Amino acid sequence: RESEARAAKLERECAQMEHGRRDVETRAHDLEERVAAAEAKTVAAEERVREKQHVEDLLAAAHDRLREAENKSLSWESKWSHAEARAAALEAQVIDGAEEDARNVARGSVACSVCVSR
């Protein structure tokens, strides 16, 4: 009788242990699924980081090209401004020379080059 009671007690303990083992396996499986989900999220996040870095690299390259274009534009604007200044100076020289010629012709000291060539 005592051995039957011990056997029954051992069977209950065995059943409890089996139940506990199943709980542990279930929790372990749940944890494995959560780890797999976390790993998938990590991979997706890493991909987003790579994509973001790629976009930042493209943006930096575009900014570099824009700066180069602005520098070229400033260079051309400077050249254009210098050419305009030279043209204005030459125009002023021509006008000054024509005015001097007109004064000389008016004073009669020189004949007008246009009139002489006719």
PDB file of N, CA and C in Angstrom:
ATOM      1  N   ARG A   1       0.818  -1.186   0.000  1.00  0.00           N
ATOM      2  CA  ARG A   1       0.000   0.000   0.000  1.00  0.00           C
ATOM      3  C   ARG A   1       0.869   1.260   0.000  1.00  0.00           C
ATOM      4  N   GLU A   2       1.864   1.262   0.811  1.00  0.00           N
ATOM      5  CA  GLU A   2       2.766   2.394   0.865  1.00  0.00           C
ATOM      6  C   GLU A   2       3.486   2.558  -0.475  1.00  0.00           C
ATOM      7  N   SER A   3       3.870   1.477  -1.103  1.00  0.00           N
ATOM      8  CA  SER A   3       4.541   1.548  -2.397  1.00  0.00           C
ATOM      9  C   SER A   3       3.571   2.036  -3.467  1.00  0.00           C
ATOM     10  N   GLU A   4       2.275   1.684  -3.319  1.00  0.00           N
ATOM     11  CA  GLU A   4       1.277   2.198  -4.273  1.00  0.00           C
ATOM     12  C   GLU A   4       1.133   3.707  -4.114  1.00  0.00           C
ATOM     13  N   ALA A   5       1.153   4.174  -2.863  1.00  0.00           N
ATOM     14  CA  ALA A   5       1.051   5.605  -2.605  1.00  0.00           C
ATOM     15  C   ALA A   5       2.280   6.312  -3.168  1.00  0.00           C
ATOM     16  N   ARG A   6       3.454   5.716  -2.965  1.00  0.00           N
ATOM     17  CA  ARG A   6       4.669   6.313  -3.520  1.00  0.00           C
ATOM     18  C   ARG A   6       4.637   6.317  -5.043  1.00  0.00           C
ATOM     19  N   ALA A   7       4.167   5.221  -5.603  1.00  0.00           N
ATOM     20  CA  ALA A   7       4.067   5.118  -7.056  1.00  0.00           C
ATOM     21  C   ALA A   7       3.104   6.172  -7.581  1.00  0.00           C
ATOM     22  N   ALA A   8       1.952   6.352  -6.897  1.00  0.00           N
ATOM     23  CA  ALA A   8       0.976   7.361  -7.316  1.00  0.00           C
ATOM     24  C   ALA A   8       1.602   8.761  -7.196  1.00  0.00           C
ATOM     25  N   LYS A   9       2.320   8.973  -6.077  1.00  0.00           N
ATOM     26  CA  LYS A   9       2.969  10.261  -5.874  1.00  0.00           C
ATOM     27  C   LYS A   9       4.002  10.503  -6.972  1.00  0.00           C
ATOM     28  N   LEU A  10       4.793   9.464  -7.309  1.00  0.00           N
ATOM     29  CA  LEU A  10       5.790   9.588  -8.364  1.00  0.00           C
ATOM     30  C   LEU A  10       5.124   9.842  -9.721  1.00  0.00           C
ATOM     31  N   GLU A  11       3.996   9.196  -9.952  1.00  0.00           N
ATOM     32  CA  GLU A  11       3.275   9.412 -11.209  1.00  0.00           C
ATOM     33  C   GLU A  11       2.786  10.855 -11.305  1.00  0.00           C
ATOM     34  N   ARG A  12       2.253  11.380 -10.171  1.00  0.00           N
ATOM     35  CA  ARG A  12       1.804  12.781 -10.166  1.00  0.00           C
ATOM     36  C   ARG A  12       2.981  13.714 -10.422  1.00  0.00           C
ATOM     37  N   GLU A  13       4.096  13.435  -9.736  1.00  0.00           N
ATOM     38  CA  GLU A  13       5.282  14.268  -9.930  1.00  0.00           C
ATOM     39  C   GLU A  13       5.770  14.179 -11.374  1.00  0.00           C
ATOM     40  N   CYS A  14       5.701  12.962 -11.921  1.00  0.00           N
ATOM     41  CA  CYS A  14       6.095  12.759 -13.324  1.00  0.00           C
ATOM     42  C   CYS A  14       5.175  13.545 -14.251  1.00  0.00           C
ATOM     43  N   ALA A  15       3.884  13.496 -13.982  1.00  0.00           N
ATOM     44  CA  ALA A  15       2.906  14.223 -14.802  1.00  0.00           C
ATOM     45  C   ALA A  15       3.162  15.733 -14.691  1.00  0.00           C
ATOM     46  N   GLN A  16       3.458  16.184 -13.458  1.00  0.00           N
ATOM     47  CA  GLN A  16       3.744  17.620 -13.274  1.00  0.00           C
ATOM     48  C   GLN A  16       5.022  18.015 -14.022  1.00  0.00           C
ATOM     49  N   MET A  17       6.016  17.128 -13.933  1.00  0.00           N
ATOM     50  CA  MET A  17       7.264  17.410 -14.637  1.00  0.00           C
ATOM     51  C   MET A  17       7.047  17.433 -16.149  1.00  0.00           C
ATOM     52  N   GLU A  18       6.249  16.497 -16.636  1.00  0.00           N
ATOM     53  CA  GLU A  18       5.939  16.452 -18.077  1.00  0.00           C
ATOM     54  C   GLU A  18       5.209  17.727 -18.492  1.00  0.00           C
ATOM     55  N   HIS A  19       4.255  18.143 -17.657  1.00  0.00           N
ATOM     56  CA  HIS A  19       3.510  19.370 -17.927  1.00  0.00           C
ATOM     57  C   HIS A  19       4.472  20.563 -17.924  1.00  0.00           C
ATOM     58  N   GLY A  20       5.379  20.615 -16.945  1.00  0.00           N
ATOM     59  CA  GLY A  20       6.383  21.674 -16.860  1.00  0.00           C
ATOM     60  C   GLY A  20       7.315  21.655 -18.062  1.00  0.00           C
ATOM     61  N   ARG A  21       7.699  20.451 -18.491  1.00  0.00           N
ATOM     62  CA  ARG A  21       8.572  20.323 -19.661  1.00  0.00           C
ATOM     63  C   ARG A  21       7.882  20.878 -20.900  1.00  0.00           C
ATOM     64  N   ARG A  22       6.573  20.554 -21.052  1.00  0.00           N
ATOM     65  CA  ARG A  22       5.810  21.071 -22.199  1.00  0.00           C
ATOM     66  C   ARG A  22       5.718  22.601 -22.142  1.00  0.00           C
ATOM     67  N   ASP A  23       5.508  23.141 -20.932  1.00  0.00           N
ATOM     68  CA  ASP A  23       5.466  24.600 -20.773  1.00  0.00           C
ATOM     69  C   ASP A  23       6.801  25.232 -21.189  1.00  0.00           C
ATOM     70  N   VAL A  24       7.894  24.598 -20.737  1.00  0.00           N
ATOM     71  CA  VAL A  24       9.217  25.114 -21.082  1.00  0.00           C
ATOM     72  C   VAL A  24       9.441  25.041 -22.589  1.00  0.00           C
ATOM     73  N   GLU A  25       9.050  23.942 -23.209  1.00  0.00           N
ATOM     74  CA  GLU A  25       9.192  23.808 -24.660  1.00  0.00           C
ATOM     75  C   GLU A  25       8.357  24.854 -25.395  1.00  0.00           C
ATOM     76  N   THR A  26       7.127  25.065 -24.897  1.00  0.00           N
ATOM     77  CA  THR A  26       6.250  26.073 -25.515  1.00  0.00           C
ATOM     78  C   THR A  26       6.876  27.461 -25.395  1.00  0.00           C
ATOM     79  N   ARG A  27       7.369  27.784 -24.193  1.00  0.00           N
ATOM     80  CA  ARG A  27       8.020  29.086 -23.994  1.00  0.00           C
ATOM     81  C   ARG A  27       9.279  29.208 -24.846  1.00  0.00           C
ATOM     82  N   ALA A  28      10.050  28.141 -24.941  1.00  0.00           N
ATOM     83  CA  ALA A  28      11.266  28.161 -25.753  1.00  0.00           C
ATOM     84  C   ALA A  28      10.902  28.394 -27.225  1.00  0.00           C
ATOM     85  N   HIS A  29       9.852  27.724 -27.686  1.00  0.00           N
ATOM     86  CA  HIS A  29       9.400  27.907 -29.068  1.00  0.00           C
ATOM     87  C   HIS A  29       8.946  29.354 -29.291  1.00  0.00           C
ATOM     88  N   ASP A  30       8.181  29.890 -28.327  1.00  0.00           N
ATOM     89  CA  ASP A  30       7.732  31.293 -28.426  1.00  0.00           C
ATOM     90  C   ASP A  30       8.930  32.241 -28.482  1.00  0.00           C
ATOM     91  N   LEU A  31       9.919  31.972 -27.619  1.00  0.00           N
ATOM     92  CA  LEU A  31      11.112  32.804 -27.607  1.00  0.00           C
ATOM     93  C   LEU A  31      11.876  32.704 -28.935  1.00  0.00           C
ATOM     94  N   GLU A  32      11.956  31.498 -29.497  1.00  0.00           N
ATOM     95  CA  GLU A  32      12.616  31.325 -30.788  1.00  0.00           C
ATOM     96  C   GLU A  32      11.903  32.130 -31.873  1.00  0.00           C
ATOM     97  N   GLU A  33      10.566  32.127 -31.835  1.00  0.00           N
ATOM     98  CA  GLU A  33       9.795  32.911 -32.811  1.00  0.00           C
ATOM     99  C   GLU A  33      10.046  34.410 -32.616  1.00  0.00           C
ATOM    100  N   ARG A  34      10.092  34.833 -31.360  1.00  0.00           N
ATOM    101  CA  ARG A  34      10.347  36.251 -31.087  1.00  0.00           C
ATOM    102  C   ARG A  34      11.751  36.659 -31.532  1.00  0.00           C
ATOM    103  N   VAL A  35      12.729  35.765 -31.293  1.00  0.00           N
ATOM    104  CA  VAL A  35      14.099  36.043 -31.729  1.00  0.00           C
ATOM    105  C   VAL A  35      14.148  36.132 -33.257  1.00  0.00           C
ATOM    106  N   ALA A  36      13.465  35.206 -33.934  1.00  0.00           N
ATOM    107  CA  ALA A  36      13.437  35.235 -35.403  1.00  0.00           C
ATOM    108  C   ALA A  36      12.788  36.527 -35.904  1.00  0.00           C
ATOM    109  N   ALA A  37      11.700  36.945 -35.266  1.00  0.00           N
ATOM    110  CA  ALA A  37      11.027  38.190 -35.650  1.00  0.00           C
ATOM    111  C   ALA A  37      11.956  39.387 -35.409  1.00  0.00           C
ATOM    112  N   ALA A  38      12.651  39.383 -34.279  1.00  0.00           N
ATOM    113  CA  ALA A  38      13.582  40.473 -33.975  1.00  0.00           C
ATOM    114  C   ALA A  38      14.728  40.501 -34.991  1.00  0.00           C
ATOM    115  N   GLU A  39      15.218  39.324 -35.361  1.00  0.00           N
ATOM    116  CA  GLU A  39      16.284  39.265 -36.363  1.00  0.00           C
ATOM    117  C   GLU A  39      15.800  39.799 -37.707  1.00  0.00           C
ATOM    118  N   ALA A  40      14.561  39.458 -38.082  1.00  0.00           N
ATOM    119  CA  ALA A  40      13.994  39.969 -39.337  1.00  0.00           C
ATOM    120  C   ALA A  40      13.869  41.490 -39.288  1.00  0.00           C
ATOM    121  N   LYS A  41      13.439  42.012 -38.134  1.00  0.00           N
ATOM    122  CA  LYS A  41      13.336  43.470 -37.985  1.00  0.00           C
ATOM    123  C   LYS A  41      14.721  44.108 -38.065  1.00  0.00           C
ATOM    124  N   THR A  42      15.711  43.448 -37.489  1.00  0.00           N
ATOM    125  CA  THR A  42      17.079  43.971 -37.528  1.00  0.00           C
ATOM    126  C   THR A  42      17.587  44.011 -38.966  1.00  0.00           C
ATOM    127  N   VAL A  43      17.337  42.956 -39.711  1.00  0.00           N
ATOM    128  CA  VAL A  43      17.763  42.916 -41.119  1.00  0.00           C
ATOM    129  C   VAL A  43      17.070  44.030 -41.899  1.00  0.00           C
ATOM    130  N   ALA A  44      15.768  44.205 -41.676  1.00  0.00           N
ATOM    131  CA  ALA A  44      15.028  45.270 -42.365  1.00  0.00           C
ATOM    132  C   ALA A  44      15.569  46.646 -41.975  1.00  0.00           C
ATOM    133  N   ALA A  45      15.874  46.833 -40.695  1.00  0.00           N
ATOM    134  CA  ALA A  45      16.413  48.115 -40.231  1.00  0.00           C
ATOM    135  C   ALA A  45      17.792  48.367 -40.853  1.00  0.00           C
ATOM    136  N   GLU A  46      18.615  47.328 -40.911  1.00  0.00           N
ATOM    137  CA  GLU A  46      19.933  47.482 -41.532  1.00  0.00           C
ATOM    138  C   GLU A  46      19.799  47.861 -43.001  1.00  0.00           C
ATOM    139  N   GLU A  47      18.832  47.274 -43.695  1.00  0.00           N
ATOM    140  CA  GLU A  47      18.588  47.601 -45.101  1.00  0.00           C
ATOM    141  C   GLU A  47      18.150  49.066 -45.238  1.00  0.00           C
ATOM    142  N   ARG A  48      17.280  49.512 -44.334  1.00  0.00           N
ATOM    143  CA  ARG A  48      16.850  50.916 -44.365  1.00  0.00           C
ATOM    144  C   ARG A  48      18.030  51.846 -44.114  1.00  0.00           C
ATOM    145  N   VAL A  49      18.922  51.457 -43.205  1.00  0.00           N
ATOM    146  CA  VAL A  49      20.112  52.270 -42.922  1.00  0.00           C
ATOM    147  C   VAL A  49      20.990  52.343 -44.170  1.00  0.00           C
ATOM    148  N   ARG A  50      21.175  51.208 -44.851  1.00  0.00           N
ATOM    149  CA  ARG A  50      21.974  51.206 -46.087  1.00  0.00           C
ATOM    150  C   ARG A  50      21.320  52.091 -47.149  1.00  0.00           C
ATOM    151  N   GLU A  51      19.986  51.985 -47.287  1.00  0.00           N
ATOM    152  CA  GLU A  51      19.271  52.817 -48.263  1.00  0.00           C
ATOM    153  C   GLU A  51      19.415  54.293 -47.913  1.00  0.00           C
ATOM    154  N   LYS A  52      19.283  54.608 -46.622  1.00  0.00           N
ATOM    155  CA  LYS A  52      19.416  56.002 -46.187  1.00  0.00           C
ATOM    156  C   LYS A  52      20.820  56.507 -46.482  1.00  0.00           C
ATOM    157  N   GLN A  53      21.837  55.697 -46.207  1.00  0.00           N
ATOM    158  CA  GLN A  53      23.210  56.088 -46.476  1.00  0.00           C
ATOM    159  C   GLN A  53      23.410  56.315 -47.968  1.00  0.00           C
ATOM    160  N   HIS A  54      22.809  55.432 -48.789  1.00  0.00           N
ATOM    161  CA  HIS A  54      22.913  55.588 -50.240  1.00  0.00           C
ATOM    162  C   HIS A  54      22.296  56.911 -50.682  1.00  0.00           C
ATOM    163  N   VAL A  55      21.121  57.226 -50.141  1.00  0.00           N
ATOM    164  CA  VAL A  55      20.457  58.495 -50.477  1.00  0.00           C
ATOM    165  C   VAL A  55      21.320  59.675 -50.018  1.00  0.00           C
ATOM    166  N   GLU A  56      21.887  59.579 -48.821  1.00  0.00           N
ATOM    167  CA  GLU A  56      22.760  60.655 -48.325  1.00  0.00           C
ATOM    168  C   GLU A  56      23.992  60.814 -49.215  1.00  0.00           C
ATOM    169  N   ASP A  57      24.545  59.692 -49.686  1.00  0.00           N
ATOM    170  CA  ASP A  57      25.697  59.754 -50.592  1.00  0.00           C
ATOM    171  C   ASP A  57      25.311  60.429 -51.904  1.00  0.00           C
ATOM    172  N   LEU A  58      24.139  60.063 -52.444  1.00  0.00           N
ATOM    173  CA  LEU A  58      23.668  60.689 -53.682  1.00  0.00           C
ATOM    174  C   LEU A  58      23.442  62.184 -53.476  1.00  0.00           C
ATOM    175  N   LEU A  59      22.868  62.530 -52.343  1.00  0.00           N
ATOM    176  CA  LEU A  59      22.606  63.937 -52.033  1.00  0.00           C
ATOM    177  C   LEU A  59      23.925  64.713 -51.908  1.00  0.00           C
ATOM    178  N   ALA A  60      24.902  64.135 -51.252  1.00  0.00           N
ATOM    179  CA  ALA A  60      26.202  64.793 -51.113  1.00  0.00           C
ATOM    180  C   ALA A  60      26.850  64.987 -52.487  1.00  0.00           C
ATOM    181  N   ALA A  61      26.761  63.974 -53.347  1.00  0.00           N
ATOM    182  CA  ALA A  61      27.319  64.095 -54.699  1.00  0.00           C
ATOM    183  C   ALA A  61      26.595  65.190 -55.475  1.00  0.00           C
ATOM    184  N   ALA A  62      25.276  65.257 -55.323  1.00  0.00           N
ATOM    185  CA  ALA A  62      24.506  66.302 -56.006  1.00  0.00           C
ATOM    186  C   ALA A  62      24.910  67.688 -55.500  1.00  0.00           C
ATOM    187  N   HIS A  63      25.120  67.817 -54.203  1.00  0.00           N
ATOM    188  CA  HIS A  63      25.573  69.098 -53.639  1.00  0.00           C
ATOM    189  C   HIS A  63      26.949  69.476 -54.187  1.00  0.00           C
ATOM    190  N   ASP A  64      27.831  68.480 -54.306  1.00  0.00           N
ATOM    191  CA  ASP A  64      29.163  68.742 -54.862  1.00  0.00           C
ATOM    192  C   ASP A  64      29.049  69.249 -56.300  1.00  0.00           C
ATOM    193  N   ARG A  65      28.204  68.576 -57.104  1.00  0.00           N
ATOM    194  CA  ARG A  65      28.027  69.001 -58.496  1.00  0.00           C
ATOM    195  C   ARG A  65      27.409  70.395 -58.563  1.00  0.00           C
ATOM    196  N   LEU A  66      26.486  70.678 -57.648  1.00  0.00           N
ATOM    197  CA  LEU A  66      25.871  72.004 -57.612  1.00  0.00           C
ATOM    198  C   LEU A  66      26.917  73.071 -57.280  1.00  0.00           C
ATOM    199  N   ARG A  67      27.778  72.800 -56.290  1.00  0.00           N
ATOM    200  CA  ARG A  67      28.838  73.746 -55.942  1.00  0.00           C
ATOM    201  C   ARG A  67      29.778  73.974 -57.132  1.00  0.00           C
ATOM    202  N   GLU A  68      30.114  72.880 -57.831  1.00  0.00           N
ATOM    203  CA  GLU A  68      30.977  73.020 -59.006  1.00  0.00           C
ATOM    204  C   GLU A  68      30.304  73.898 -60.060  1.00  0.00           C
ATOM    205  N   ALA A  69      29.016  73.663 -60.293  1.00  0.00           N
ATOM    206  CA  ALA A  69      28.277  74.458 -61.276  1.00  0.00           C
ATOM    207  C   ALA A  69      28.207  75.923 -60.840  1.00  0.00           C
ATOM    208  N   GLU A  70      27.980  76.158 -59.550  1.00  0.00           N
ATOM    209  CA  GLU A  70      27.947  77.534 -59.053  1.00  0.00           C
ATOM    210  C   GLU A  70      29.305  78.210 -59.220  1.00  0.00           C
ATOM    211  N   ASN A  71      30.378  77.468 -58.956  1.00  0.00           N
ATOM    212  CA  ASN A  71      31.719  78.033 -59.120  1.00  0.00           C
ATOM    213  C   ASN A  71      31.989  78.372 -60.588  1.00  0.00           C
ATOM    214  N   LYS A  72      31.582  77.470 -61.489  1.00  0.00           N
ATOM    215  CA  LYS A  72      31.757  77.745 -62.921  1.00  0.00           C
ATOM    216  C   LYS A  72      30.928  78.961 -63.319  1.00  0.00           C
ATOM    217  N   SER A  73      29.717  79.032 -62.791  1.00  0.00           N
ATOM    218  CA  SER A  73      28.843  80.159 -63.102  1.00  0.00           C
ATOM    219  C   SER A  73      29.463  81.460 -62.620  1.00  0.00           C
ATOM    220  N   LEU A  74      29.990  81.439 -61.393  1.00  0.00           N
ATOM    221  CA  LEU A  74      30.643  82.641 -60.864  1.00  0.00           C
ATOM    222  C   LEU A  74      31.851  83.015 -61.719  1.00  0.00           C
ATOM    223  N   SER A  75      32.583  82.020 -62.180  1.00  0.00           N
ATOM    224  CA  SER A  75      33.743  82.273 -63.026  1.00  0.00           C
ATOM    225  C   SER A  75      33.301  82.922 -64.338  1.00  0.00           C
ATOM    226  N   TRP A  76      32.250  82.384 -64.938  1.00  0.00           N
ATOM    227  CA  TRP A  76      31.751  82.964 -66.194  1.00  0.00           C
ATOM    228  C   TRP A  76      31.184  84.355 -65.957  1.00  0.00           C
ATOM    229  N   GLU A  77      30.482  84.532 -64.836  1.00  0.00           N
ATOM    230  CA  GLU A  77      29.951  85.860 -64.523  1.00  0.00           C
ATOM    231  C   GLU A  77      31.080  86.866 -64.354  1.00  0.00           C
ATOM    232  N   SER A  78      32.154  86.441 -63.709  1.00  0.00           N
ATOM    233  CA  SER A  78      33.311  87.311 -63.518  1.00  0.00           C
ATOM    234  C   SER A  78      33.931  87.658 -64.870  1.00  0.00           C
ATOM    235  N   LYS A  79      34.094  86.660 -65.733  1.00  0.00           N
ATOM    236  CA  LYS A  79      34.663  86.900 -67.063  1.00  0.00           C
ATOM    237  C   LYS A  79      33.754  87.835 -67.866  1.00  0.00           C
ATOM    238  N   TRP A  80      32.457  87.590 -67.776  1.00  0.00           N
ATOM    239  CA  TRP A  80      31.488  88.420 -68.491  1.00  0.00           C
ATOM    240  C   TRP A  80      31.561  89.865 -67.982  1.00  0.00           C
ATOM    241  N   SER A  81      31.604  90.019 -66.667  1.00  0.00           N
ATOM    242  CA  SER A  81      31.682  91.349 -66.070  1.00  0.00           C
ATOM    243  C   SER A  81      32.959  92.059 -66.511  1.00  0.00           C
ATOM    244  N   HIS A  82      34.068  91.317 -66.521  1.00  0.00           N
ATOM    245  CA  HIS A  82      35.345  91.897 -66.955  1.00  0.00           C
ATOM    246  C   HIS A  82      35.267  92.308 -68.431  1.00  0.00           C
ATOM    247  N   ALA A  83      34.665  91.468 -69.260  1.00  0.00           N
ATOM    248  CA  ALA A  83      34.523  91.785 -70.686  1.00  0.00           C
ATOM    249  C   ALA A  83      33.628  93.007 -70.881  1.00  0.00           C
ATOM    250  N   GLU A  84      32.556  93.088 -70.111  1.00  0.00           N
ATOM    251  CA  GLU A  84      31.676  94.260 -70.206  1.00  0.00           C
ATOM    252  C   GLU A  84      32.426  95.532 -69.815  1.00  0.00           C
ATOM    253  N   ALA A  85      33.238  95.437 -68.760  1.00  0.00           N
ATOM    254  CA  ALA A  85      34.012  96.598 -68.316  1.00  0.00           C
ATOM    255  C   ALA A  85      35.005  97.011 -69.398  1.00  0.00           C
ATOM    256  N   ARG A  86      35.665  96.043 -70.026  1.00  0.00           N
ATOM    257  CA  ARG A  86      36.610  96.347 -71.108  1.00  0.00           C
ATOM    258  C   ARG A  86      35.880  96.967 -72.294  1.00  0.00           C
ATOM    259  N   ALA A  87      34.708  96.417 -72.614  1.00  0.00           N
ATOM    260  CA  ALA A  87      33.932  96.967 -73.730  1.00  0.00           C
ATOM    261  C   ALA A  87      33.506  98.405 -73.431  1.00  0.00           C
ATOM    262  N   ALA A  88      33.087  98.650 -72.203  1.00  0.00           N
ATOM    263  CA  ALA A  88      32.688 100.010 -71.818  1.00  0.00           C
ATOM    264  C   ALA A  88      33.882 100.958 -71.898  1.00  0.00           C
ATOM    265  N   ALA A  89      35.058 100.493 -71.469  1.00  0.00           N
ATOM    266  CA  ALA A  89      36.259 101.329 -71.530  1.00  0.00           C
ATOM    267  C   ALA A  89      36.629 101.626 -72.974  1.00  0.00           C
ATOM    268  N   LEU A  90      36.567 100.609 -73.844  1.00  0.00           N
ATOM    269  CA  LEU A  90      36.874 100.823 -75.261  1.00  0.00           C
ATOM    270  C   LEU A  90      35.861 101.776 -75.897  1.00  0.00           C
ATOM    271  N   GLU A  91      34.598 101.583 -75.541  1.00  0.00           N
ATOM    272  CA  GLU A  91      33.552 102.469 -76.058  1.00  0.00           C
ATOM    273  C   GLU A  91      33.813 103.909 -75.624  1.00  0.00           C
ATOM    274  N   ALA A  92      34.198 104.080 -74.366  1.00  0.00           N
ATOM    275  CA  ALA A  92      34.505 105.424 -73.869  1.00  0.00           C
ATOM    276  C   ALA A  92      35.696 106.014 -74.616  1.00  0.00           C
ATOM    277  N   GLN A  93      36.720 105.179 -74.913  1.00  0.00           N
ATOM    278  CA  GLN A  93      37.875 105.660 -75.672  1.00  0.00           C
ATOM    279  C   GLN A  93      37.468 106.086 -77.081  1.00  0.00           C
ATOM    280  N   VAL A  94      36.625 105.285 -77.702  1.00  0.00           N
ATOM    281  CA  VAL A  94      36.166 105.607 -79.059  1.00  0.00           C
ATOM    282  C   VAL A  94      35.377 106.906 -79.050  1.00  0.00           C
ATOM    283  N   ILE A  95      34.468 107.024 -78.073  1.00  0.00           N
ATOM    284  CA  ILE A  95      33.653 108.245 -77.967  1.00  0.00           C
ATOM    285  C   ILE A  95      34.554 109.449 -77.696  1.00  0.00           C
ATOM    286  N   ASP A  96      35.503 109.284 -76.760  1.00  0.00           N
ATOM    287  CA  ASP A  96      36.432 110.382 -76.460  1.00  0.00           C
ATOM    288  C   ASP A  96      37.228 110.768 -77.710  1.00  0.00           C
ATOM    289  N   GLY A  97      37.701 109.762 -78.457  1.00  0.00           N
ATOM    290  CA  GLY A  97      38.465 110.024 -79.684  1.00  0.00           C
ATOM    291  C   GLY A  97      37.610 110.722 -80.724  1.00  0.00           C
ATOM    292  N   ALA A  98      36.353 110.288 -80.859  1.00  0.00           N
ATOM    293  CA  ALA A  98      35.452 110.903 -81.835  1.00  0.00           C
ATOM    294  C   ALA A  98      35.145 112.340 -81.429  1.00  0.00           C
ATOM    295  N   GLU A  99      34.956 112.553 -80.151  1.00  0.00           N
ATOM    296  CA  GLU A  99      34.686 113.915 -79.679  1.00  0.00           C
ATOM    297  C   GLU A  99      35.908 114.814 -79.911  1.00  0.00           C
ATOM    298  N   GLU A 100      37.099 114.282 -79.664  1.00  0.00           N
ATOM    299  CA  GLU A 100      38.336 115.042 -79.901  1.00  0.00           C
ATOM    300  C   GLU A 100      38.477 115.366 -81.385  1.00  0.00           C
ATOM    301  N   ASP A 101      38.196 114.353 -82.244  1.00  0.00           N
ATOM    302  CA  ASP A 101      38.244 114.585 -83.690  1.00  0.00           C
ATOM    303  C   ASP A 101      37.255 115.665 -84.083  1.00  0.00           C
ATOM    304  N   ALA A 102      36.050 115.619 -83.501  1.00  0.00           N
ATOM    305  CA  ALA A 102      35.019 116.606 -83.839  1.00  0.00           C
ATOM    306  C   ALA A 102      35.466 118.003 -83.421  1.00  0.00           C
ATOM    307  N   ARG A 103      36.079 118.117 -82.270  1.00  0.00           N
ATOM    308  CA  ARG A 103      36.571 119.425 -81.820  1.00  0.00           C
ATOM    309  C   ARG A 103      37.675 119.948 -82.741  1.00  0.00           C
ATOM    310  N   ASN A 104      38.577 119.066 -83.127  1.00  0.00           N
ATOM    311  CA  ASN A 104      39.672 119.454 -84.013  1.00  0.00           C
ATOM    312  C   ASN A 104      39.153 119.891 -85.375  1.00  0.00           C
ATOM    313  N   VAL A 105      38.177 119.133 -85.886  1.00  0.00           N
ATOM    314  CA  VAL A 105      37.590 119.492 -87.179  1.00  0.00           C
ATOM    315  C   VAL A 105      36.880 120.833 -87.056  1.00  0.00           C
ATOM    316  N   ALA A 106      36.167 121.017 -85.962  1.00  0.00           N
ATOM    317  CA  ALA A 106      35.446 122.273 -85.753  1.00  0.00           C
ATOM    318  C   ALA A 106      36.416 123.441 -85.667  1.00  0.00           C
ATOM    319  N   ARG A 107      37.566 123.252 -85.095  1.00  0.00           N
ATOM    320  CA  ARG A 107      38.566 124.317 -84.994  1.00  0.00           C
ATOM    321  C   ARG A 107      39.291 124.509 -86.324  1.00  0.00           C
ATOM    322  N   GLY A 108      39.117 123.524 -87.191  1.00  0.00           N
ATOM    323  CA  GLY A 108      39.732 123.609 -88.506  1.00  0.00           C
ATOM    324  C   GLY A 108      41.169 123.160 -88.528  1.00  0.00           C
ATOM    325  N   SER A 109      41.628 122.565 -87.429  1.00  0.00           N
ATOM    326  CA  SER A 109      43.023 122.140 -87.384  1.00  0.00           C
ATOM    327  C   SER A 109      43.249 120.832 -88.130  1.00  0.00           C
ATOM    328  N   VAL A 110      42.193 120.053 -88.301  1.00  0.00           N
ATOM    329  CA  VAL A 110      42.321 118.761 -88.981  1.00  0.00           C
ATOM    330  C   VAL A 110      41.092 118.585 -89.863  1.00  0.00           C
ATOM    331  N   ALA A 111      41.280 117.943 -90.970  1.00  0.00           N
ATOM    332  CA  ALA A 111      40.128 117.636 -91.822  1.00  0.00           C
ATOM    333  C   ALA A 111      39.461 116.374 -91.309  1.00  0.00           C
ATOM    334  N   CYS A 112      38.165 116.300 -91.451  1.00  0.00           N
ATOM    335  CA  CYS A 112      37.421 115.122 -91.002  1.00  0.00           C
ATOM    336  C   CYS A 112      37.831 113.944 -91.867  1.00  0.00           C
ATOM    337  N   SER A 113      38.197 112.831 -91.254  1.00  0.00           N
ATOM    338  CA  SER A 113      38.654 111.664 -92.005  1.00  0.00           C
ATOM    339  C   SER A 113      37.546 111.093 -92.872  1.00  0.00           C
ATOM    340  N   VAL A 114      36.313 111.241 -92.460  1.00  0.00           N
ATOM    341  CA  VAL A 114      35.191 110.736 -93.266  1.00  0.00           C
ATOM    342  C   VAL A 114      35.015 111.630 -94.485  1.00  0.00           C
ATOM    343  N   CYS A 115      35.108 112.955 -94.270  1.00  0.00           N
ATOM    344  CA  CYS A 115      34.943 113.888 -95.380  1.00  0.00           C
ATOM    345  C   CYS A 115      36.087 113.763 -96.382  1.00  0.00           C
ATOM    346  N   VAL A 116      37.298 113.568 -95.898  1.00  0.00           N
ATOM    347  CA  VAL A 116      38.469 113.460 -96.776  1.00  0.00           C
ATOM    348  C   VAL A 116      38.368 112.235 -97.641  1.00  0.00           C
ATOM    349  N   SER A 117      37.860 111.128 -97.087  1.00  0.00           N
ATOM    350  CA  SER A 117      37.786 109.900 -97.865  1.00  0.00           C
ATOM    351  C   SER A 117      36.714 109.932 -98.941  1.00  0.00           C
ATOM    352  N   ARG A 118      35.816 110.915 -98.884  1.00  0.00           N
ATOM    353  CA  ARG A 118      34.771 111.009 -99.908  1.00  0.00           C
ATOM    354  C   ARG A 118      35.329 111.645-101.091  1.00  0.00           C
TER     355      ARG A 118
END
